[in-house]
Amino acid sequence: MQNSMNAIEVKNLRKSFPGFALDVSFSVPTGFVCGFIGRNGAGKTTTMKCLLGMTIPDGGEISILGRPSGDVSLKADIGVMLDQPYYQDDWTVKDVEKALRPYYERWDGEVWRKYLDTFSLPERKKFKDFSRGMKMKLGMSAALAHDAKLLLLDEPTGGLDPVVREEMLDIMRDYLLDETRTIFFSTHITSDLEKIADRIIFISGGKIVFDDEKDALTDKYALVRGDGLDELRHTNRLGGLPPTVITEKPTLDDIVVYFERGMRNDS
C-alpha cells in the first residue's frame, strides 16, 4: 500500500518566457510512477527544471519529499537523469563514479557495479564513444546508486531501441519494489506509460489538461465508431447511440491524440 504523503506537490507554479507561459498545479503520490506527457514545447522541460532548481520560477510553491524544493538535503534523496547525462567526453565509468561518489553519502559501490553489469557497460570505453543507449544506461545507473527516494527522469527511454527501452522499464519496476520510492518522468512514448505508469499528467500550452490515474482515465472514455461517427466520448455520453455504432476502450494514445486535436481546433 502506498505511503499517503505526496512525493511532489506543485502549487501555482508560474514561469514566463517570450511567447510562452507556464502555470501549473499538480501532485505526485509517494510510491507511484507518474508519466508527464505533452508535445515538444508544452512545458515539460521547464517544469522539470523548476523542480530541480535549474530554472527559477516567477511564482508558486514546490515541495519535494515534504521539503521546500530549495532544501539542499534533497540532493541525496533525488536521482536525476535529463534527456541524456552530461559527463566529460574522456571519462570512463570509473571516472564517473570517482566524480559522483563524494557528493552522495549513501553512494553504494556494489549497487553501482550491479547496474553496470546488468547493462553490460564497458569499463574502459570513453563516454564520448558510448551509444545513446549506453549513455542513458550509465545515467540511470548513477541515478540509482545512492538510494534515491525519488527519480526525476526527462525522456529516459527517448531514442532507444525497443529492447533497451524494455530494459530501462524493468529497472524502473525493480526500483519501485520499495513502495516508499517514486518516479516522475517526462516522455512522449505512450506505449511505455501503458506498461508502467500509475498516474498520467498531460500538459499542453503550459497548462495541465488532465491529471488522473491511468486506469481511471482509460475507463472514463470510449471510442465510438460507425454510422458516421469516429470519435472519443466520455462514458456518460454513450446513451442513445444507434445500434450500428460500436464502442471500444481507448488506449492512452487515443486519448492524448483526441485532446491535442481538440485544442488545436479551438486555438
C-alpha atoms as a PDB file:
ATOM      1  CA  MET A   1       0.000   0.000   0.000  1.00  0.00           C
ATOM      2  CA  GLN A   2       1.414   3.397  -0.988  1.00  0.00           C
ATOM      3  CA  ASN A   3       2.513   5.964   1.559  1.00  0.00           C
ATOM      4  CA  SER A   4      -0.104   8.721   1.808  1.00  0.00           C
ATOM      5  CA  MET A   5       2.373  11.606   1.583  1.00  0.00           C
ATOM      6  CA  ASN A   6       2.854  13.267  -1.772  1.00  0.00           C
ATOM      7  CA  ALA A   7       6.394  12.957  -3.082  1.00  0.00           C
ATOM      8  CA  ILE A   8       5.875  16.104  -5.209  1.00  0.00           C
ATOM      9  CA  GLU A   9       3.484  18.997  -4.649  1.00  0.00           C
ATOM     10  CA  VAL A  10       3.358  21.893  -7.100  1.00  0.00           C
ATOM     11  CA  LYS A  11       1.013  24.807  -6.430  1.00  0.00           C
ATOM     12  CA  ASN A  12       0.500  27.638  -8.919  1.00  0.00           C
ATOM     13  CA  LEU A  13       3.949  27.258 -10.453  1.00  0.00           C
ATOM     14  CA  ARG A  14       4.459  30.076 -12.937  1.00  0.00           C
ATOM     15  CA  LYS A  15       7.239  30.808 -15.381  1.00  0.00           C
ATOM     16  CA  SER A  16       7.040  33.096 -18.417  1.00  0.00           C
ATOM     17  CA  PHE A  17       9.224  33.357 -21.487  1.00  0.00           C
ATOM     18  CA  PRO A  18       8.577  35.371 -24.668  1.00  0.00           C
ATOM     19  CA  GLY A  19       5.648  33.624 -26.333  1.00  0.00           C
ATOM     20  CA  PHE A  20       5.141  31.059 -23.573  1.00  0.00           C
ATOM     21  CA  ALA A  21       3.697  30.991 -20.053  1.00  0.00           C
ATOM     22  CA  LEU A  22       3.742  28.037 -17.650  1.00  0.00           C
ATOM     23  CA  ASP A  23       1.035  27.937 -14.959  1.00  0.00           C
ATOM     24  CA  VAL A  24       0.582  24.515 -13.323  1.00  0.00           C
ATOM     25  CA  SER A  25      -0.501  22.789 -10.130  1.00  0.00           C
ATOM     26  CA  PHE A  26      -0.244  19.043  -9.546  1.00  0.00           C
ATOM     27  CA  SER A  27       0.854  16.412  -7.049  1.00  0.00           C
ATOM     28  CA  VAL A  28       2.538  13.009  -7.284  1.00  0.00           C
ATOM     29  CA  PRO A  29       1.733  10.465  -4.544  1.00  0.00           C
ATOM     30  CA  THR A  30       4.565   8.530  -2.933  1.00  0.00           C
ATOM     31  CA  GLY A  31       5.024   5.056  -4.376  1.00  0.00           C
ATOM     32  CA  PHE A  32       3.626   5.928  -7.804  1.00  0.00           C
ATOM     33  CA  VAL A  33       5.073   6.073 -11.302  1.00  0.00           C
ATOM     34  CA  CYS A  34       3.795   9.317 -12.781  1.00  0.00           C
ATOM     35  CA  GLY A  35       4.134   9.966 -16.502  1.00  0.00           C
ATOM     36  CA  PHE A  36       4.389  13.626 -17.536  1.00  0.00           C
ATOM     37  CA  ILE A  37       3.349  13.917 -21.167  1.00  0.00           C
ATOM     38  CA  GLY A  38       2.842  16.574 -23.801  1.00  0.00           C
ATOM     39  CA  ARG A  39       4.177  17.760 -27.132  1.00  0.00           C
ATOM     40  CA  ASN A  40       7.554  19.448 -27.506  1.00  0.00           C
ATOM     41  CA  GLY A  41       7.233  22.992 -26.187  1.00  0.00           C
ATOM     42  CA  ALA A  42       4.279  22.134 -23.921  1.00  0.00           C
ATOM     43  CA  GLY A  43       6.207  22.942 -20.737  1.00  0.00           C
ATOM     44  CA  LYS A  44       7.539  19.562 -19.606  1.00  0.00           C
ATOM     45  CA  THR A  45      11.214  20.503 -19.500  1.00  0.00           C
ATOM     46  CA  THR A  46      10.543  23.916 -17.931  1.00  0.00           C
ATOM     47  CA  THR A  47       8.535  22.228 -15.173  1.00  0.00           C
ATOM     48  CA  MET A  48      11.256  19.627 -14.632  1.00  0.00           C
ATOM     49  CA  LYS A  49      13.954  22.309 -14.428  1.00  0.00           C
ATOM     50  CA  CYS A  50      11.888  24.256 -11.893  1.00  0.00           C
ATOM     51  CA  LEU A  51      11.586  21.108  -9.766  1.00  0.00           C
ATOM     52  CA  LEU A  52      15.366  20.689  -9.895  1.00  0.00           C
ATOM     53  CA  GLY A  53      16.168  24.344  -9.187  1.00  0.00           C
ATOM     54  CA  MET A  54      17.756  24.755 -12.614  1.00  0.00           C
ATOM     55  CA  THR A  55      15.164  27.399 -13.534  1.00  0.00           C
ATOM     56  CA  ILE A  56      13.860  29.995 -11.071  1.00  0.00           C
ATOM     57  CA  PRO A  57      10.046  30.218 -11.140  1.00  0.00           C
ATOM     58  CA  ASP A  58       8.229  33.546 -11.323  1.00  0.00           C
ATOM     59  CA  GLY A  59       5.893  32.342  -8.584  1.00  0.00           C
ATOM     60  CA  GLY A  60       4.267  29.398  -6.863  1.00  0.00           C
ATOM     61  CA  GLU A  61       5.356  26.715  -4.425  1.00  0.00           C
ATOM     62  CA  ILE A  62       7.212  23.429  -4.937  1.00  0.00           C
ATOM     63  CA  SER A  63       7.531  20.780  -2.234  1.00  0.00           C
ATOM     64  CA  ILE A  64       9.570  17.614  -2.781  1.00  0.00           C
ATOM     65  CA  LEU A  65       9.558  14.743  -0.291  1.00  0.00           C
ATOM     66  CA  GLY A  66       7.914  17.056   2.214  1.00  0.00           C
ATOM     67  CA  ARG A  67      10.615  19.727   1.949  1.00  0.00           C
ATOM     68  CA  PRO A  68      10.897  23.000   0.013  1.00  0.00           C
ATOM     69  CA  SER A  69      12.495  22.389  -3.375  1.00  0.00           C
ATOM     70  CA  GLY A  70      15.477  24.560  -2.436  1.00  0.00           C
ATOM     71  CA  ASP A  71      16.408  22.406   0.565  1.00  0.00           C
ATOM     72  CA  VAL A  72      19.997  21.276  -0.035  1.00  0.00           C
ATOM     73  CA  SER A  73      19.353  17.974   1.765  1.00  0.00           C
ATOM     74  CA  LEU A  74      17.142  16.897  -1.149  1.00  0.00           C
ATOM     75  CA  LYS A  75      20.159  16.253  -3.383  1.00  0.00           C
ATOM     76  CA  ALA A  76      20.879  12.999  -1.551  1.00  0.00           C
ATOM     77  CA  ASP A  77      17.298  11.779  -1.967  1.00  0.00           C
ATOM     78  CA  ILE A  78      16.726  12.550  -5.662  1.00  0.00           C
ATOM     79  CA  GLY A  79      18.077  10.637  -8.639  1.00  0.00           C
ATOM     80  CA  VAL A  80      18.133  12.772 -11.774  1.00  0.00           C
ATOM     81  CA  MET A  81      18.511  11.946 -15.434  1.00  0.00           C
ATOM     82  CA  LEU A  82      17.937  14.607 -18.051  1.00  0.00           C
ATOM     83  CA  ASP A  83      17.495  13.899 -21.774  1.00  0.00           C
ATOM     84  CA  GLN A  84      20.982  12.432 -21.579  1.00  0.00           C
ATOM     85  CA  PRO A  85      23.783  12.507 -18.976  1.00  0.00           C
ATOM     86  CA  TYR A  86      26.461  15.130 -19.455  1.00  0.00           C
ATOM     87  CA  TYR A  87      29.798  13.688 -18.384  1.00  0.00           C
ATOM     88  CA  GLN A  88      33.265  14.569 -19.627  1.00  0.00           C
ATOM     89  CA  ASP A  89      33.944  13.024 -23.024  1.00  0.00           C
ATOM     90  CA  ASP A  90      37.124  11.250 -21.917  1.00  0.00           C
ATOM     91  CA  TRP A  91      35.657   9.777 -18.712  1.00  0.00           C
ATOM     92  CA  THR A  92      35.286   6.038 -18.258  1.00  0.00           C
ATOM     93  CA  VAL A  93      32.699   4.538 -15.897  1.00  0.00           C
ATOM     94  CA  LYS A  94      35.351   4.551 -13.140  1.00  0.00           C
ATOM     95  CA  ASP A  95      35.839   8.279 -13.644  1.00  0.00           C
ATOM     96  CA  VAL A  96      32.095   8.836 -13.396  1.00  0.00           C
ATOM     97  CA  GLU A  97      31.939   7.047 -10.043  1.00  0.00           C
ATOM     98  CA  LYS A  98      35.011   8.893  -8.779  1.00  0.00           C
ATOM     99  CA  ALA A  99      33.399  12.231  -9.679  1.00  0.00           C
ATOM    100  CA  LEU A 100      29.946  11.472  -8.220  1.00  0.00           C
ATOM    101  CA  ARG A 101      30.698   9.439  -5.097  1.00  0.00           C
ATOM    102  CA  PRO A 102      31.855  12.395  -2.896  1.00  0.00           C
ATOM    103  CA  TYR A 103      28.518  14.169  -3.378  1.00  0.00           C
ATOM    104  CA  TYR A 104      26.362  11.299  -2.090  1.00  0.00           C
ATOM    105  CA  GLU A 105      26.955   9.930   1.379  1.00  0.00           C
ATOM    106  CA  ARG A 106      24.724   6.935   0.602  1.00  0.00           C
ATOM    107  CA  TRP A 107      26.563   6.091  -2.637  1.00  0.00           C
ATOM    108  CA  ASP A 108      26.757   2.296  -2.854  1.00  0.00           C
ATOM    109  CA  GLY A 109      29.601   0.978  -4.984  1.00  0.00           C
ATOM    110  CA  GLU A 110      28.101  -2.516  -5.069  1.00  0.00           C
ATOM    111  CA  VAL A 111      24.792  -1.214  -6.405  1.00  0.00           C
ATOM    112  CA  TRP A 112      26.645   0.887  -8.977  1.00  0.00           C
ATOM    113  CA  ARG A 113      28.591  -2.145 -10.200  1.00  0.00           C
ATOM    114  CA  LYS A 114      25.426  -4.273 -10.214  1.00  0.00           C
ATOM    115  CA  TYR A 115      23.806  -1.896 -12.696  1.00  0.00           C
ATOM    116  CA  LEU A 116      26.964  -1.644 -14.784  1.00  0.00           C
ATOM    117  CA  ASP A 117      26.913  -5.448 -15.058  1.00  0.00           C
ATOM    118  CA  THR A 118      23.156  -5.553 -15.725  1.00  0.00           C
ATOM    119  CA  PHE A 119      23.557  -3.065 -18.564  1.00  0.00           C
ATOM    120  CA  SER A 120      26.848  -4.626 -19.814  1.00  0.00           C
ATOM    121  CA  LEU A 121      28.605  -1.246 -19.743  1.00  0.00           C
ATOM    122  CA  PRO A 122      32.321  -1.406 -20.690  1.00  0.00           C
ATOM    123  CA  GLU A 123      34.715  -0.191 -18.003  1.00  0.00           C
ATOM    124  CA  ARG A 124      37.462   1.149 -20.260  1.00  0.00           C
ATOM    125  CA  LYS A 125      35.436   2.739 -23.041  1.00  0.00           C
ATOM    126  CA  LYS A 126      35.278   6.537 -23.008  1.00  0.00           C
ATOM    127  CA  PHE A 127      31.954   8.280 -22.592  1.00  0.00           C
ATOM    128  CA  LYS A 128      32.257  10.008 -25.977  1.00  0.00           C
ATOM    129  CA  ASP A 129      32.318   6.583 -27.641  1.00  0.00           C
ATOM    130  CA  PHE A 130      29.144   5.363 -25.918  1.00  0.00           C
ATOM    131  CA  SER A 131      25.978   4.950 -27.960  1.00  0.00           C
ATOM    132  CA  ARG A 132      22.907   6.904 -26.849  1.00  0.00           C
ATOM    133  CA  GLY A 133      21.522   3.752 -25.272  1.00  0.00           C
ATOM    134  CA  MET A 134      24.728   3.184 -23.310  1.00  0.00           C
ATOM    135  CA  LYS A 135      24.758   6.804 -22.150  1.00  0.00           C
ATOM    136  CA  MET A 136      21.189   6.511 -20.881  1.00  0.00           C
ATOM    137  CA  LYS A 137      22.012   3.258 -19.092  1.00  0.00           C
ATOM    138  CA  LEU A 138      25.021   4.905 -17.461  1.00  0.00           C
ATOM    139  CA  GLY A 139      22.915   7.865 -16.351  1.00  0.00           C
ATOM    140  CA  MET A 140      20.274   5.550 -14.898  1.00  0.00           C
ATOM    141  CA  SER A 141      22.953   3.566 -13.060  1.00  0.00           C
ATOM    142  CA  ALA A 142      24.210   6.770 -11.443  1.00  0.00           C
ATOM    143  CA  ALA A 143      20.673   7.866 -10.514  1.00  0.00           C
ATOM    144  CA  LEU A 144      20.070   4.545  -8.748  1.00  0.00           C
ATOM    145  CA  ALA A 145      23.432   4.147  -6.978  1.00  0.00           C
ATOM    146  CA  HIS A 146      22.757   6.388  -3.958  1.00  0.00           C
ATOM    147  CA  ASP A 147      19.446   5.085  -2.581  1.00  0.00           C
ATOM    148  CA  ALA A 148      17.361   7.915  -4.042  1.00  0.00           C
ATOM    149  CA  LYS A 149      13.766   8.140  -2.823  1.00  0.00           C
ATOM    150  CA  LEU A 150      12.580   9.978  -5.942  1.00  0.00           C
ATOM    151  CA  LEU A 151      13.645   9.636  -9.569  1.00  0.00           C
ATOM    152  CA  LEU A 152      13.162  12.683 -11.823  1.00  0.00           C
ATOM    153  CA  LEU A 153      13.713  11.498 -15.376  1.00  0.00           C
ATOM    154  CA  ASP A 154      13.441  13.532 -18.570  1.00  0.00           C
ATOM    155  CA  GLU A 155      12.686  11.289 -21.589  1.00  0.00           C
ATOM    156  CA  PRO A 156      14.525   8.274 -20.099  1.00  0.00           C
ATOM    157  CA  THR A 157      13.548   5.979 -22.991  1.00  0.00           C
ATOM    158  CA  GLY A 158      13.601   8.507 -25.839  1.00  0.00           C
ATOM    159  CA  GLY A 159      15.610   7.476 -28.864  1.00  0.00           C
ATOM    160  CA  LEU A 160      16.239   3.957 -27.571  1.00  0.00           C
ATOM    161  CA  ASP A 161      15.506   0.761 -29.443  1.00  0.00           C
ATOM    162  CA  PRO A 162      12.639  -1.391 -28.087  1.00  0.00           C
ATOM    163  CA  VAL A 163      14.935  -3.897 -26.335  1.00  0.00           C
ATOM    164  CA  VAL A 164      16.848  -1.197 -24.443  1.00  0.00           C
ATOM    165  CA  ARG A 165      13.590   0.613 -23.607  1.00  0.00           C
ATOM    166  CA  GLU A 166      12.227  -2.569 -22.055  1.00  0.00           C
ATOM    167  CA  GLU A 167      15.444  -2.958 -20.028  1.00  0.00           C
ATOM    168  CA  MET A 168      15.008   0.560 -18.668  1.00  0.00           C
ATOM    169  CA  LEU A 169      11.369  -0.118 -17.767  1.00  0.00           C
ATOM    170  CA  ASP A 170      12.377  -3.325 -15.956  1.00  0.00           C
ATOM    171  CA  ILE A 171      14.890  -1.364 -13.885  1.00  0.00           C
ATOM    172  CA  MET A 172      12.202   1.178 -13.018  1.00  0.00           C
ATOM    173  CA  ARG A 173       9.836  -1.622 -11.962  1.00  0.00           C
ATOM    174  CA  ASP A 174      12.514  -3.149  -9.713  1.00  0.00           C
ATOM    175  CA  TYR A 175      13.243   0.236  -8.166  1.00  0.00           C
ATOM    176  CA  LEU A 176       9.592   0.557  -7.131  1.00  0.00           C
ATOM    177  CA  LEU A 177       9.505  -2.736  -5.241  1.00  0.00           C
ATOM    178  CA  ASP A 178      10.274  -0.429  -2.299  1.00  0.00           C
ATOM    179  CA  GLU A 179       6.932   1.391  -2.025  1.00  0.00           C
ATOM    180  CA  THR A 180       8.497   4.439  -0.365  1.00  0.00           C
ATOM    181  CA  ARG A 181      10.046   5.294  -3.746  1.00  0.00           C
ATOM    182  CA  THR A 182       8.522   7.379  -6.523  1.00  0.00           C
ATOM    183  CA  ILE A 183       9.220   8.040 -10.208  1.00  0.00           C
ATOM    184  CA  PHE A 184       8.233  11.186 -12.104  1.00  0.00           C
ATOM    185  CA  PHE A 185       9.233  11.032 -15.748  1.00  0.00           C
ATOM    186  CA  SER A 186       8.511  13.009 -18.862  1.00  0.00           C
ATOM    187  CA  THR A 187       8.020  11.137 -22.100  1.00  0.00           C
ATOM    188  CA  HIS A 188       6.224  11.199 -25.430  1.00  0.00           C
ATOM    189  CA  ILE A 189       6.173   7.393 -25.734  1.00  0.00           C
ATOM    190  CA  THR A 190       2.685   6.467 -24.603  1.00  0.00           C
ATOM    191  CA  SER A 191       3.325   2.724 -25.000  1.00  0.00           C
ATOM    192  CA  ASP A 192       5.845   2.963 -22.149  1.00  0.00           C
ATOM    193  CA  LEU A 193       3.241   4.682 -19.997  1.00  0.00           C
ATOM    194  CA  GLU A 194       0.739   1.919 -20.759  1.00  0.00           C
ATOM    195  CA  LYS A 195       3.235  -0.579 -19.352  1.00  0.00           C
ATOM    196  CA  ILE A 196       4.456   1.160 -16.216  1.00  0.00           C
ATOM    197  CA  ALA A 197       2.666   4.381 -15.216  1.00  0.00           C
ATOM    198  CA  ASP A 198       0.132   4.572 -12.378  1.00  0.00           C
ATOM    199  CA  ARG A 199      -0.739   8.205 -12.987  1.00  0.00           C
ATOM    200  CA  ILE A 200      -0.709  10.472 -16.040  1.00  0.00           C
ATOM    201  CA  ILE A 201      -0.297  14.245 -16.120  1.00  0.00           C
ATOM    202  CA  PHE A 202      -0.876  15.778 -19.557  1.00  0.00           C
ATOM    203  CA  ILE A 203       0.373  19.302 -20.218  1.00  0.00           C
ATOM    204  CA  SER A 204      -0.328  21.460 -23.260  1.00  0.00           C
ATOM    205  CA  GLY A 205       0.445  25.134 -23.805  1.00  0.00           C
ATOM    206  CA  GLY A 206       1.874  25.472 -20.303  1.00  0.00           C
ATOM    207  CA  LYS A 207      -1.293  24.233 -18.558  1.00  0.00           C
ATOM    208  CA  ILE A 208      -2.377  20.885 -17.141  1.00  0.00           C
ATOM    209  CA  VAL A 209      -5.102  19.347 -19.339  1.00  0.00           C
ATOM    210  CA  PHE A 210      -5.706  16.260 -17.241  1.00  0.00           C
ATOM    211  CA  ASP A 211      -4.175  14.649 -14.154  1.00  0.00           C
ATOM    212  CA  ASP A 212      -5.547  11.233 -13.243  1.00  0.00           C
ATOM    213  CA  GLU A 213      -4.726   7.617 -12.512  1.00  0.00           C
ATOM    214  CA  LYS A 214      -4.057   5.829 -15.791  1.00  0.00           C
ATOM    215  CA  ASP A 215      -6.692   3.128 -15.397  1.00  0.00           C
ATOM    216  CA  ALA A 216      -9.352   5.628 -14.299  1.00  0.00           C
ATOM    217  CA  LEU A 217      -8.514   7.780 -17.307  1.00  0.00           C
ATOM    218  CA  THR A 218      -8.978   4.998 -19.857  1.00  0.00           C
ATOM    219  CA  ASP A 219     -12.202   3.952 -18.086  1.00  0.00           C
ATOM    220  CA  LYS A 220     -13.650   7.470 -18.433  1.00  0.00           C
ATOM    221  CA  TYR A 221     -13.686   7.469 -22.221  1.00  0.00           C
ATOM    222  CA  ALA A 222     -14.793   5.247 -25.086  1.00  0.00           C
ATOM    223  CA  LEU A 223     -14.047   5.201 -28.801  1.00  0.00           C
ATOM    224  CA  VAL A 224     -17.298   5.495 -30.749  1.00  0.00           C
ATOM    225  CA  ARG A 225     -17.289   4.221 -34.334  1.00  0.00           C
ATOM    226  CA  GLY A 226     -19.894   3.638 -37.002  1.00  0.00           C
ATOM    227  CA  ASP A 227     -22.905   5.411 -38.544  1.00  0.00           C
ATOM    228  CA  GLY A 228     -20.731   8.390 -39.483  1.00  0.00           C
ATOM    229  CA  LEU A 229     -19.088   8.605 -36.056  1.00  0.00           C
ATOM    230  CA  ASP A 230     -15.400   8.210 -35.261  1.00  0.00           C
ATOM    231  CA  GLU A 231     -14.694   9.979 -32.003  1.00  0.00           C
ATOM    232  CA  LEU A 232     -13.784   9.760 -28.335  1.00  0.00           C
ATOM    233  CA  ARG A 233     -16.612  10.310 -25.860  1.00  0.00           C
ATOM    234  CA  HIS A 234     -16.924  10.443 -22.104  1.00  0.00           C
ATOM    235  CA  THR A 235     -18.657   7.283 -20.929  1.00  0.00           C
ATOM    236  CA  ASN A 236     -21.562   9.312 -19.514  1.00  0.00           C
ATOM    237  CA  ARG A 237     -22.412  10.393 -23.081  1.00  0.00           C
ATOM    238  CA  LEU A 238     -22.915   6.946 -24.603  1.00  0.00           C
ATOM    239  CA  GLY A 239     -26.683   6.733 -24.175  1.00  0.00           C
ATOM    240  CA  GLY A 240     -28.971   6.908 -27.204  1.00  0.00           C
ATOM    241  CA  LEU A 241     -26.399   5.783 -29.781  1.00  0.00           C
ATOM    242  CA  PRO A 242     -27.680   3.933 -32.876  1.00  0.00           C
ATOM    243  CA  PRO A 243     -27.409   0.122 -32.720  1.00  0.00           C
ATOM    244  CA  THR A 244     -24.962   0.160 -35.645  1.00  0.00           C
ATOM    245  CA  VAL A 245     -22.405   2.040 -33.535  1.00  0.00           C
ATOM    246  CA  ILE A 246     -19.691   0.130 -31.691  1.00  0.00           C
ATOM    247  CA  THR A 247     -17.745   1.335 -28.653  1.00  0.00           C
ATOM    248  CA  GLU A 248     -14.211   0.343 -27.715  1.00  0.00           C
ATOM    249  CA  LYS A 249     -11.939   1.057 -24.784  1.00  0.00           C
ATOM    250  CA  PRO A 250      -9.349   3.640 -25.886  1.00  0.00           C
ATOM    251  CA  THR A 251      -5.617   3.457 -25.472  1.00  0.00           C
ATOM    252  CA  LEU A 252      -3.781   6.264 -23.753  1.00  0.00           C
ATOM    253  CA  ASP A 253      -2.522   7.332 -27.172  1.00  0.00           C
ATOM    254  CA  ASP A 254      -6.126   7.633 -28.419  1.00  0.00           C
ATOM    255  CA  ILE A 255      -6.940   9.956 -25.509  1.00  0.00           C
ATOM    256  CA  VAL A 256      -3.854  12.130 -25.966  1.00  0.00           C
ATOM    257  CA  VAL A 257      -4.423  12.477 -29.725  1.00  0.00           C
ATOM    258  CA  TYR A 258      -8.068  13.425 -29.153  1.00  0.00           C
ATOM    259  CA  PHE A 259      -7.219  16.152 -26.654  1.00  0.00           C
ATOM    260  CA  GLU A 260      -4.386  17.518 -28.780  1.00  0.00           C
ATOM    261  CA  ARG A 261      -6.608  17.733 -31.859  1.00  0.00           C
ATOM    262  CA  GLY A 262      -9.366  19.393 -29.873  1.00  0.00           C
ATOM    263  CA  MET A 263      -7.043  22.038 -28.515  1.00  0.00           C
ATOM    264  CA  ARG A 264      -5.562  22.757 -31.944  1.00  0.00           C
ATOM    265  CA  ASN A 265      -9.050  23.158 -33.349  1.00  0.00           C
ATOM    266  CA  ASP A 266     -10.002  25.538 -30.524  1.00  0.00           C
ATOM    267  CA  SER A 267      -6.910  27.710 -30.920  1.00  0.00           C
END
